[in-house]
C-alpha atoms as a PDB file:
ATOM      1  CA  UNK A   1      70.306  86.765 -66.665  1.00  0.00           C
ATOM      2  CA  UNK A   2      71.584  90.032 -68.066  1.00  0.00           C
ATOM      3  CA  UNK A   3      75.022  90.828 -66.640  1.00  0.00           C
ATOM      4  CA  UNK A   4      74.696  94.578 -66.066  1.00  0.00           C
ATOM      5  CA  UNK A   5      78.056  96.302 -66.397  1.00  0.00           C
ATOM      6  CA  UNK A   6      76.546  99.750 -65.945  1.00  0.00           C
ATOM      7  CA  UNK A   7      75.224  98.882 -62.495  1.00  0.00           C
ATOM      8  CA  UNK A   8      78.492  97.369 -61.275  1.00  0.00           C
ATOM      9  CA  UNK A   9      80.522 100.244 -62.741  1.00  0.00           C
ATOM     10  CA  UNK A  10      78.422 102.812 -60.857  1.00  0.00           C
ATOM     11  CA  UNK A  11      79.107 101.007 -57.580  1.00  0.00           C
ATOM     12  CA  UNK A  12      82.829 100.883 -58.373  1.00  0.00           C
ATOM     13  CA  UNK A  13      82.874 104.610 -59.093  1.00  0.00           C
ATOM     14  CA  UNK A  14      81.194 105.327 -55.734  1.00  0.00           C
ATOM     15  CA  UNK A  15      83.849 103.285 -53.913  1.00  0.00           C
ATOM     16  CA  UNK A  16      86.633 105.035 -55.787  1.00  0.00           C
ATOM     17  CA  UNK A  17      85.205 108.447 -54.969  1.00  0.00           C
ATOM     18  CA  UNK A  18      84.998 107.574 -51.274  1.00  0.00           C
ATOM     19  CA  UNK A  19      88.682 106.579 -51.266  1.00  0.00           C
ATOM     20  CA  UNK A  20      89.767 110.001 -52.524  1.00  0.00           C
ATOM     21  CA  UNK A  21      89.498 111.206 -48.905  1.00  0.00           C
ATOM     22  CA  UNK A  22      92.855 109.500 -48.394  1.00  0.00           C
ATOM     23  CA  UNK A  23      94.389 112.057 -50.790  1.00  0.00           C
ATOM     24  CA  UNK A  24      93.314 115.376 -49.200  1.00  0.00           C
ATOM     25  CA  UNK A  25      96.134 117.439 -50.710  1.00  0.00           C
ATOM     26  CA  UNK A  26      96.512 115.579 -53.994  1.00  0.00           C
ATOM     27  CA  UNK A  27      94.496 116.230 -57.139  1.00  0.00           C
ATOM     28  CA  UNK A  28      94.584 112.830 -58.806  1.00  0.00           C
ATOM     29  CA  UNK A  29      94.888 113.464 -62.538  1.00  0.00           C
ATOM     30  CA  UNK A  30      94.390 111.231 -65.558  1.00  0.00           C
ATOM     31  CA  UNK A  31      96.064 112.379 -68.785  1.00  0.00           C
ATOM     32  CA  UNK A  32      94.855 111.127 -72.149  1.00  0.00           C
ATOM     33  CA  UNK A  33      96.684 111.404 -75.462  1.00  0.00           C
ATOM     34  CA  UNK A  34      94.764 111.237 -78.739  1.00  0.00           C
ATOM     35  CA  UNK A  35      96.545 111.249 -82.080  1.00  0.00           C
ATOM     36  CA  UNK A  36      94.287 112.206 -84.975  1.00  0.00           C
ATOM     37  CA  UNK A  37      90.552 112.824 -85.052  1.00  0.00           C
ATOM     38  CA  UNK A  38      88.999 109.377 -85.201  1.00  0.00           C
ATOM     39  CA  UNK A  39      85.347 109.937 -84.135  1.00  0.00           C
ATOM     40  CA  UNK A  40      85.131 106.687 -82.165  1.00  0.00           C
ATOM     41  CA  UNK A  41      88.361 107.461 -80.312  1.00  0.00           C
ATOM     42  CA  UNK A  42      87.139 110.974 -79.548  1.00  0.00           C
ATOM     43  CA  UNK A  43      83.957 109.480 -78.106  1.00  0.00           C
ATOM     44  CA  UNK A  44      85.850 107.005 -75.948  1.00  0.00           C
ATOM     45  CA  UNK A  45      88.240 109.653 -74.632  1.00  0.00           C
ATOM     46  CA  UNK A  46      85.377 112.008 -73.824  1.00  0.00           C
ATOM     47  CA  UNK A  47      83.645 109.253 -71.857  1.00  0.00           C
ATOM     48  CA  UNK A  48      86.807 108.616 -69.839  1.00  0.00           C
ATOM     49  CA  UNK A  49      87.110 112.283 -68.905  1.00  0.00           C
ATOM     50  CA  UNK A  50      83.440 112.476 -67.962  1.00  0.00           C
ATOM     51  CA  UNK A  51      83.691 109.439 -65.697  1.00  0.00           C
ATOM     52  CA  UNK A  52      86.937 110.670 -64.122  1.00  0.00           C
ATOM     53  CA  UNK A  53      85.274 113.954 -63.177  1.00  0.00           C
ATOM     54  CA  UNK A  54      82.202 112.123 -61.857  1.00  0.00           C
ATOM     55  CA  UNK A  55      84.503 110.121 -59.577  1.00  0.00           C
ATOM     56  CA  UNK A  56      86.097 113.306 -58.243  1.00  0.00           C
ATOM     57  CA  UNK A  57      89.301 113.113 -60.241  1.00  0.00           C
ATOM     58  CA  UNK A  58      90.855 115.642 -62.570  1.00  0.00           C
ATOM     59  CA  UNK A  59      91.855 115.064 -66.172  1.00  0.00           C
ATOM     60  CA  UNK A  60      94.087 116.504 -68.834  1.00  0.00           C
ATOM     61  CA  UNK A  61      93.819 115.933 -72.564  1.00  0.00           C
ATOM     62  CA  UNK A  62      96.557 116.171 -75.174  1.00  0.00           C
ATOM     63  CA  UNK A  63      95.229 116.344 -78.738  1.00  0.00           C
ATOM     64  CA  UNK A  64      97.812 115.779 -81.467  1.00  0.00           C
ATOM     65  CA  UNK A  65      97.772 115.811 -85.260  1.00  0.00           C
ATOM     66  CA  UNK A  66      97.663 112.481 -87.075  1.00  0.00           C
ATOM     67  CA  UNK A  67     100.827 113.516 -88.919  1.00  0.00           C
ATOM     68  CA  UNK A  68     102.907 113.791 -85.742  1.00  0.00           C
ATOM     69  CA  UNK A  69     106.271 112.036 -85.913  1.00  0.00           C
ATOM     70  CA  UNK A  70     107.389 109.203 -83.669  1.00  0.00           C
ATOM     71  CA  UNK A  71     109.977 111.481 -82.033  1.00  0.00           C
ATOM     72  CA  UNK A  72     107.452 114.259 -81.406  1.00  0.00           C
ATOM     73  CA  UNK A  73     104.936 111.865 -79.872  1.00  0.00           C
ATOM     74  CA  UNK A  74     107.598 110.340 -77.643  1.00  0.00           C
ATOM     75  CA  UNK A  75     108.506 113.844 -76.461  1.00  0.00           C
ATOM     76  CA  UNK A  76     104.865 114.485 -75.534  1.00  0.00           C
ATOM     77  CA  UNK A  77     104.745 111.252 -73.536  1.00  0.00           C
ATOM     78  CA  UNK A  78     108.041 112.061 -71.827  1.00  0.00           C
ATOM     79  CA  UNK A  79     106.658 115.444 -70.723  1.00  0.00           C
ATOM     80  CA  UNK A  80     103.620 113.794 -69.126  1.00  0.00           C
ATOM     81  CA  UNK A  81     105.828 111.144 -67.541  1.00  0.00           C
ATOM     82  CA  UNK A  82     107.969 113.845 -65.917  1.00  0.00           C
ATOM     83  CA  UNK A  83     105.002 115.893 -64.689  1.00  0.00           C
ATOM     84  CA  UNK A  84     104.379 115.164 -60.974  1.00  0.00           C
ATOM     85  CA  UNK A  85     100.843 116.554 -61.316  1.00  0.00           C
ATOM     86  CA  UNK A  86      99.949 113.763 -63.775  1.00  0.00           C
ATOM     87  CA  UNK A  87      99.368 110.415 -62.083  1.00  0.00           C
ATOM     88  CA  UNK A  88      98.098 108.330 -64.989  1.00  0.00           C
ATOM     89  CA  UNK A  89      98.753 108.320 -68.724  1.00  0.00           C
ATOM     90  CA  UNK A  90      96.527 106.704 -71.332  1.00  0.00           C
ATOM     91  CA  UNK A  91      97.393 106.763 -75.038  1.00  0.00           C
ATOM     92  CA  UNK A  92      94.182 106.140 -76.947  1.00  0.00           C
ATOM     93  CA  UNK A  93      94.514 103.309 -79.463  1.00  0.00           C
ATOM     94  CA  UNK A  94      94.710 102.756 -82.368  1.00  0.00           C
ATOM     95  CA  UNK A  95      97.617 104.972 -83.395  1.00  0.00           C
ATOM     96  CA  UNK A  96      98.449 105.948 -87.001  1.00  0.00           C
ATOM     97  CA  UNK A  97     100.267 103.258 -88.962  1.00  0.00           C
ATOM     98  CA  UNK A  98     103.539 105.194 -89.079  1.00  0.00           C
ATOM     99  CA  UNK A  99     103.774 105.206 -85.276  1.00  0.00           C
ATOM    100  CA  UNK A 100     105.477 102.341 -83.428  1.00  0.00           C
ATOM    101  CA  UNK A 101     102.741 101.611 -80.887  1.00  0.00           C
ATOM    102  CA  UNK A 102     104.769  99.474 -78.503  1.00  0.00           C
ATOM    103  CA  UNK A 103     107.600 101.988 -78.399  1.00  0.00           C
ATOM    104  CA  UNK A 104     105.099 104.647 -77.318  1.00  0.00           C
ATOM    105  CA  UNK A 105     103.588 102.401 -74.667  1.00  0.00           C
ATOM    106  CA  UNK A 106     107.046 101.675 -73.261  1.00  0.00           C
ATOM    107  CA  UNK A 107     107.701 105.423 -72.801  1.00  0.00           C
ATOM    108  CA  UNK A 108     105.019 105.466 -70.093  1.00  0.00           C
ATOM    109  CA  UNK A 109     106.444 104.770 -66.608  1.00  0.00           C
ATOM    110  CA  UNK A 110     105.057 101.535 -65.137  1.00  0.00           C
ATOM    111  CA  UNK A 111     103.531 103.469 -62.231  1.00  0.00           C
ATOM    112  CA  UNK A 112     101.550 105.655 -64.675  1.00  0.00           C
ATOM    113  CA  UNK A 113     100.720 102.921 -67.186  1.00  0.00           C
ATOM    114  CA  UNK A 114      97.004 102.663 -66.375  1.00  0.00           C
ATOM    115  CA  UNK A 115      96.287 100.619 -69.505  1.00  0.00           C
ATOM    116  CA  UNK A 116      98.669  97.996 -68.124  1.00  0.00           C
ATOM    117  CA  UNK A 117     100.135  97.326 -71.559  1.00  0.00           C
ATOM    118  CA  UNK A 118     103.820  98.046 -70.871  1.00  0.00           C
ATOM    119  CA  UNK A 119     106.356  95.272 -70.516  1.00  0.00           C
ATOM    120  CA  UNK A 120     106.774  95.815 -66.762  1.00  0.00           C
ATOM    121  CA  UNK A 121     103.091  95.516 -65.941  1.00  0.00           C
ATOM    122  CA  UNK A 122     102.562  92.660 -68.379  1.00  0.00           C
ATOM    123  CA  UNK A 123     105.530  90.898 -66.850  1.00  0.00           C
ATOM    124  CA  UNK A 124     104.145  91.341 -63.343  1.00  0.00           C
ATOM    125  CA  UNK A 125     100.824  89.873 -64.486  1.00  0.00           C
ATOM    126  CA  UNK A 126     102.600  86.877 -66.009  1.00  0.00           C
ATOM    127  CA  UNK A 127     104.573  86.316 -62.794  1.00  0.00           C
ATOM    128  CA  UNK A 128     101.438  86.436 -60.637  1.00  0.00           C
ATOM    129  CA  UNK A 129     102.543  89.702 -59.064  1.00  0.00           C
ATOM    130  CA  UNK A 130     100.101  91.952 -60.875  1.00  0.00           C
ATOM    131  CA  UNK A 131     100.134  95.722 -60.534  1.00  0.00           C
ATOM    132  CA  UNK A 132      98.379  97.607 -63.355  1.00  0.00           C
ATOM    133  CA  UNK A 133      96.122  95.159 -65.172  1.00  0.00           C
ATOM    134  CA  UNK A 134      94.654  95.924 -68.625  1.00  0.00           C
ATOM    135  CA  UNK A 135      91.283  97.509 -68.011  1.00  0.00           C
ATOM    136  CA  UNK A 136      88.972  95.420 -70.177  1.00  0.00           C
ATOM    137  CA  UNK A 137      89.991  91.962 -68.899  1.00  0.00           C
ATOM    138  CA  UNK A 138      90.084  93.357 -65.369  1.00  0.00           C
ATOM    139  CA  UNK A 139      86.527  94.588 -65.902  1.00  0.00           C
ATOM    140  CA  UNK A 140      85.407  91.110 -66.903  1.00  0.00           C
ATOM    141  CA  UNK A 141      86.924  89.696 -63.721  1.00  0.00           C
ATOM    142  CA  UNK A 142      85.110  92.353 -61.671  1.00  0.00           C
ATOM    143  CA  UNK A 143      81.815  91.277 -63.260  1.00  0.00           C
ATOM    144  CA  UNK A 144      82.560  87.625 -62.517  1.00  0.00           C
ATOM    145  CA  UNK A 145      83.179  88.611 -58.895  1.00  0.00           C
ATOM    146  CA  UNK A 146      80.121  90.873 -58.644  1.00  0.00           C
ATOM    147  CA  UNK A 147      77.803  88.162 -59.953  1.00  0.00           C
ATOM    148  CA  UNK A 148      79.491  85.396 -57.907  1.00  0.00           C
ATOM    149  CA  UNK A 149      80.104  83.306 -61.012  1.00  0.00           C
ATOM    150  CA  UNK A 150      81.945  80.084 -60.093  1.00  0.00           C
ATOM    151  CA  UNK A 151      85.369  79.763 -61.700  1.00  0.00           C
ATOM    152  CA  UNK A 152      87.243  77.048 -59.817  1.00  0.00           C
ATOM    153  CA  UNK A 153      87.691  74.073 -62.118  1.00  0.00           C
ATOM    154  CA  UNK A 154      85.355  75.589 -64.719  1.00  0.00           C
ATOM    155  CA  UNK A 155      86.294  75.662 -68.368  1.00  0.00           C
ATOM    156  CA  UNK A 156      86.825  79.206 -69.642  1.00  0.00           C
ATOM    157  CA  UNK A 157      87.237  79.863 -73.358  1.00  0.00           C
ATOM    158  CA  UNK A 158      88.704  83.194 -74.462  1.00  0.00           C
ATOM    159  CA  UNK A 159      88.267  83.963 -78.159  1.00  0.00           C
ATOM    160  CA  UNK A 160      90.950  86.385 -79.352  1.00  0.00           C
ATOM    161  CA  UNK A 161      94.627  86.498 -78.425  1.00  0.00           C
ATOM    162  CA  UNK A 162      95.468  90.209 -78.413  1.00  0.00           C
ATOM    163  CA  UNK A 163      97.757  91.655 -75.750  1.00  0.00           C
ATOM    164  CA  UNK A 164      94.997  94.164 -75.016  1.00  0.00           C
ATOM    165  CA  UNK A 165      92.379  91.610 -73.959  1.00  0.00           C
ATOM    166  CA  UNK A 166      92.761  87.945 -74.855  1.00  0.00           C
ATOM    167  CA  UNK A 167      96.193  87.153 -73.442  1.00  0.00           C
ATOM    168  CA  UNK A 168      95.813  89.013 -70.115  1.00  0.00           C
ATOM    169  CA  UNK A 169      92.259  87.672 -69.790  1.00  0.00           C
ATOM    170  CA  UNK A 170      93.580  84.122 -70.003  1.00  0.00           C
ATOM    171  CA  UNK A 171      96.192  84.812 -67.334  1.00  0.00           C
ATOM    172  CA  UNK A 172      93.636  86.352 -64.975  1.00  0.00           C
ATOM    173  CA  UNK A 173      91.268  83.405 -65.317  1.00  0.00           C
ATOM    174  CA  UNK A 174      94.041  80.885 -64.703  1.00  0.00           C
ATOM    175  CA  UNK A 175      95.641  82.575 -61.696  1.00  0.00           C
ATOM    176  CA  UNK A 176      95.573  80.938 -58.271  1.00  0.00           C
ATOM    177  CA  UNK A 177      92.352  81.686 -56.440  1.00  0.00           C
ATOM    178  CA  UNK A 178      90.383  81.929 -59.689  1.00  0.00           C
ATOM    179  CA  UNK A 179      91.503  78.507 -60.896  1.00  0.00           C
ATOM    180  CA  UNK A 180      89.659  78.216 -64.194  1.00  0.00           C
ATOM    181  CA  UNK A 181      90.919  75.839 -66.869  1.00  0.00           C
ATOM    182  CA  UNK A 182      91.530  78.140 -69.818  1.00  0.00           C
ATOM    183  CA  UNK A 183      91.456  77.613 -73.558  1.00  0.00           C
ATOM    184  CA  UNK A 184      92.701  80.492 -75.714  1.00  0.00           C
ATOM    185  CA  UNK A 185      90.992  80.285 -79.107  1.00  0.00           C
ATOM    186  CA  UNK A 186      91.677  82.354 -82.214  1.00  0.00           C
ATOM    187  CA  UNK A 187      91.279  82.525 -85.988  1.00  0.00           C
ATOM    188  CA  UNK A 188      93.302  79.331 -86.509  1.00  0.00           C
ATOM    189  CA  UNK A 189      91.352  77.259 -83.978  1.00  0.00           C
ATOM    190  CA  UNK A 190      89.779  74.189 -85.552  1.00  0.00           C
ATOM    191  CA  UNK A 191      86.007  73.899 -85.092  1.00  0.00           C
ATOM    192  CA  UNK A 192      85.714  77.091 -83.089  1.00  0.00           C
ATOM    193  CA  UNK A 193      82.010  76.522 -82.471  1.00  0.00           C
ATOM    194  CA  UNK A 194      82.686  73.190 -80.740  1.00  0.00           C
ATOM    195  CA  UNK A 195      85.440  74.709 -78.601  1.00  0.00           C
ATOM    196  CA  UNK A 196      83.122  77.543 -77.535  1.00  0.00           C
ATOM    197  CA  UNK A 197      80.288  75.111 -76.752  1.00  0.00           C
ATOM    198  CA  UNK A 198      82.554  73.426 -74.208  1.00  0.00           C
ATOM    199  CA  UNK A 199      82.874  76.663 -72.207  1.00  0.00           C
ATOM    200  CA  UNK A 200      81.303  77.317 -68.844  1.00  0.00           C
ATOM    201  CA  UNK A 201      82.601  80.875 -69.212  1.00  0.00           C
ATOM    202  CA  UNK A 202      82.903  82.244 -72.744  1.00  0.00           C
ATOM    203  CA  UNK A 203      84.631  85.563 -73.442  1.00  0.00           C
ATOM    204  CA  UNK A 204      84.786  86.864 -76.996  1.00  0.00           C
ATOM    205  CA  UNK A 205      87.211  89.666 -77.843  1.00  0.00           C
ATOM    206  CA  UNK A 206      87.505  89.474 -81.612  1.00  0.00           C
ATOM    207  CA  UNK A 207      85.722  92.515 -83.011  1.00  0.00           C
ATOM    208  CA  UNK A 208      83.739  90.467 -85.545  1.00  0.00           C
ATOM    209  CA  UNK A 209      80.005  91.268 -85.495  1.00  0.00           C
ATOM    210  CA  UNK A 210      77.858  88.433 -84.130  1.00  0.00           C
ATOM    211  CA  UNK A 211      80.520  85.776 -84.598  1.00  0.00           C
ATOM    212  CA  UNK A 212      79.185  84.085 -81.448  1.00  0.00           C
ATOM    213  CA  UNK A 213      75.809  82.629 -82.389  1.00  0.00           C
ATOM    214  CA  UNK A 214      73.516  80.276 -80.466  1.00  0.00           C
ATOM    215  CA  UNK A 215      75.441  77.353 -82.010  1.00  0.00           C
ATOM    216  CA  UNK A 216      78.556  78.507 -80.086  1.00  0.00           C
ATOM    217  CA  UNK A 217      77.087  78.320 -76.570  1.00  0.00           C
ATOM    218  CA  UNK A 218      75.686  75.769 -74.162  1.00  0.00           C
ATOM    219  CA  UNK A 219      72.684  76.521 -71.951  1.00  0.00           C
ATOM    220  CA  UNK A 220      74.564  76.856 -68.649  1.00  0.00           C
ATOM    221  CA  UNK A 221      77.269  79.137 -70.054  1.00  0.00           C
ATOM    222  CA  UNK A 222      78.106  82.653 -68.860  1.00  0.00           C
ATOM    223  CA  UNK A 223      78.938  84.783 -71.891  1.00  0.00           C
ATOM    224  CA  UNK A 224      80.954  88.017 -71.923  1.00  0.00           C
ATOM    225  CA  UNK A 225      80.957  90.155 -75.061  1.00  0.00           C
ATOM    226  CA  UNK A 226      84.098  92.270 -75.343  1.00  0.00           C
ATOM    227  CA  UNK A 227      84.388  92.678 -79.119  1.00  0.00           C
ATOM    228  CA  UNK A 228      83.277  96.029 -80.542  1.00  0.00           C
ATOM    229  CA  UNK A 229      82.485  96.915 -84.129  1.00  0.00           C
ATOM    230  CA  UNK A 230      81.047 100.248 -85.263  1.00  0.00           C
ATOM    231  CA  UNK A 231      78.683 100.102 -88.214  1.00  0.00           C
ATOM    232  CA  UNK A 232      76.715 103.124 -89.398  1.00  0.00           C
ATOM    233  CA  UNK A 233      76.953 104.769 -85.994  1.00  0.00           C
ATOM    234  CA  UNK A 234      75.884 101.636 -84.105  1.00  0.00           C
ATOM    235  CA  UNK A 235      77.956  99.536 -81.725  1.00  0.00           C
ATOM    236  CA  UNK A 236      77.745  95.832 -82.522  1.00  0.00           C
ATOM    237  CA  UNK A 237      79.265  93.139 -80.344  1.00  0.00           C
ATOM    238  CA  UNK A 238      80.743  89.738 -81.073  1.00  0.00           C
ATOM    239  CA  UNK A 239      77.722  88.023 -79.534  1.00  0.00           C
ATOM    240  CA  UNK A 240      74.414  87.629 -81.356  1.00  0.00           C
ATOM    241  CA  UNK A 241      72.667  88.785 -78.193  1.00  0.00           C
ATOM    242  CA  UNK A 242      69.034  88.367 -79.268  1.00  0.00           C
ATOM    243  CA  UNK A 243      69.534  84.713 -80.139  1.00  0.00           C
ATOM    244  CA  UNK A 244      72.070  83.823 -77.455  1.00  0.00           C
ATOM    245  CA  UNK A 245      70.446  85.503 -74.436  1.00  0.00           C
ATOM    246  CA  UNK A 246      67.363  83.209 -74.240  1.00  0.00           C
ATOM    247  CA  UNK A 247      69.428  80.008 -74.011  1.00  0.00           C
ATOM    248  CA  UNK A 248      72.388  80.833 -71.724  1.00  0.00           C
ATOM    249  CA  UNK A 249      72.666  81.316 -67.980  1.00  0.00           C
ATOM    250  CA  UNK A 250      73.993  84.867 -68.323  1.00  0.00           C
ATOM    251  CA  UNK A 251      75.271  87.298 -70.952  1.00  0.00           C
ATOM    252  CA  UNK A 252      76.525  90.875 -71.142  1.00  0.00           C
ATOM    253  CA  UNK A 253      74.738  93.265 -73.488  1.00  0.00           C
ATOM    254  CA  UNK A 254      76.634  95.357 -76.015  1.00  0.00           C
ATOM    255  CA  UNK A 255      76.722  98.225 -75.280  1.00  0.00           C
ATOM    256  CA  UNK A 256      76.160  98.399 -71.523  1.00  0.00           C
ATOM    257  CA  UNK A 257      78.048  95.291 -70.461  1.00  0.00           C
ATOM    258  CA  UNK A 258      81.830  95.182 -70.449  1.00  0.00           C
ATOM    259  CA  UNK A 259      82.326  98.736 -71.792  1.00  0.00           C
ATOM    260  CA  UNK A 260      81.352 100.602 -68.597  1.00  0.00           C
ATOM    261  CA  UNK A 261      83.557  98.226 -66.637  1.00  0.00           C
ATOM    262  CA  UNK A 262      86.567  99.094 -68.770  1.00  0.00           C
ATOM    263  CA  UNK A 263      86.195 102.764 -67.845  1.00  0.00           C
ATOM    264  CA  UNK A 264      85.570 101.960 -64.174  1.00  0.00           C
ATOM    265  CA  UNK A 265      88.744  99.865 -64.067  1.00  0.00           C
ATOM    266  CA  UNK A 266      90.656 102.702 -65.713  1.00  0.00           C
ATOM    267  CA  UNK A 267      89.629 104.895 -62.774  1.00  0.00           C
ATOM    268  CA  UNK A 268      90.606 102.167 -60.317  1.00  0.00           C
ATOM    269  CA  UNK A 269      94.014 101.913 -61.980  1.00  0.00           C
ATOM    270  CA  UNK A 270      94.353 105.711 -61.824  1.00  0.00           C
ATOM    271  CA  UNK A 271      93.728 105.542 -58.087  1.00  0.00           C
ATOM    272  CA  UNK A 272      96.297 102.753 -57.804  1.00  0.00           C
ATOM    273  CA  UNK A 273      98.797 104.865 -59.760  1.00  0.00           C
ATOM    274  CA  UNK A 274      98.379 107.704 -57.276  1.00  0.00           C
ATOM    275  CA  UNK A 275      98.892 105.258 -54.405  1.00  0.00           C
ATOM    276  CA  UNK A 276     102.117 103.992 -55.933  1.00  0.00           C
ATOM    277  CA  UNK A 277     103.481 107.485 -56.561  1.00  0.00           C
ATOM    278  CA  UNK A 278     102.588 108.800 -53.105  1.00  0.00           C
ATOM    279  CA  UNK A 279     103.267 105.583 -51.177  1.00  0.00           C
ATOM    280  CA  UNK A 280      99.713 105.324 -49.842  1.00  0.00           C
ATOM    281  CA  UNK A 281      99.065 101.621 -49.251  1.00  0.00           C
ATOM    282  CA  UNK A 282      95.829  99.819 -50.079  1.00  0.00           C
ATOM    283  CA  UNK A 283      95.615  98.748 -46.460  1.00  0.00           C
ATOM    284  CA  UNK A 284      94.281 102.222 -45.633  1.00  0.00           C
ATOM    285  CA  UNK A 285      91.111 101.627 -47.656  1.00  0.00           C
END
């Protein structure tokens, strides 16, 4: 089975668009900040604006020079944070090496932190009181739900321990109601292939081309490819799709699997941000 992120993302966008009727006098706006001119980052930001407009939202883009100082960038974030017309702020990563990434993320108010990477939102996720959840792991959970993939008591292996994907993914899989038994694997894991072969649900978020081969999976596994590497203009995932797909129960393609879900969840978080700022409860959906 091919787990089709594009299809699920389109349905999510339709639902989001229908909910905008609850905001008749509010123009929900997503603001993106891009430092430098990285072609891949420009592509990703452009896609986010395109999808926001398709869902009926507005967007604003702030393009900044790669040489910008920490203080100048913080001032730009502060201006967006103070702007009542901006409901969501996304700082496109990676940032230049001279910028303190976490300090920038913490400048974003929790109610506008649609990447869910700030300490407040991460803390809420850890406490089981989640608010803004990082978009990529949230997208994986939406796919698991859409395809009715059993999780209770199943062994889930997450490869990669970044705060962007691996760590929040592990928390989401282990939370009450999902109830997976989670192993968080990484570059220091002994016999990674054997650990991965024990997984009923395998999620790879490393960014190492085709690290997950057919020797890393068992036939009944559901495999989610989150890792992205760009080589000569091509997007290559962590999963060796051509060799893994014939032997597993389900797998996401790359591209077209988890990527569209990341953007769809960004829009869902933007809608949630507007709800928080205008005190419009989810119960009205």
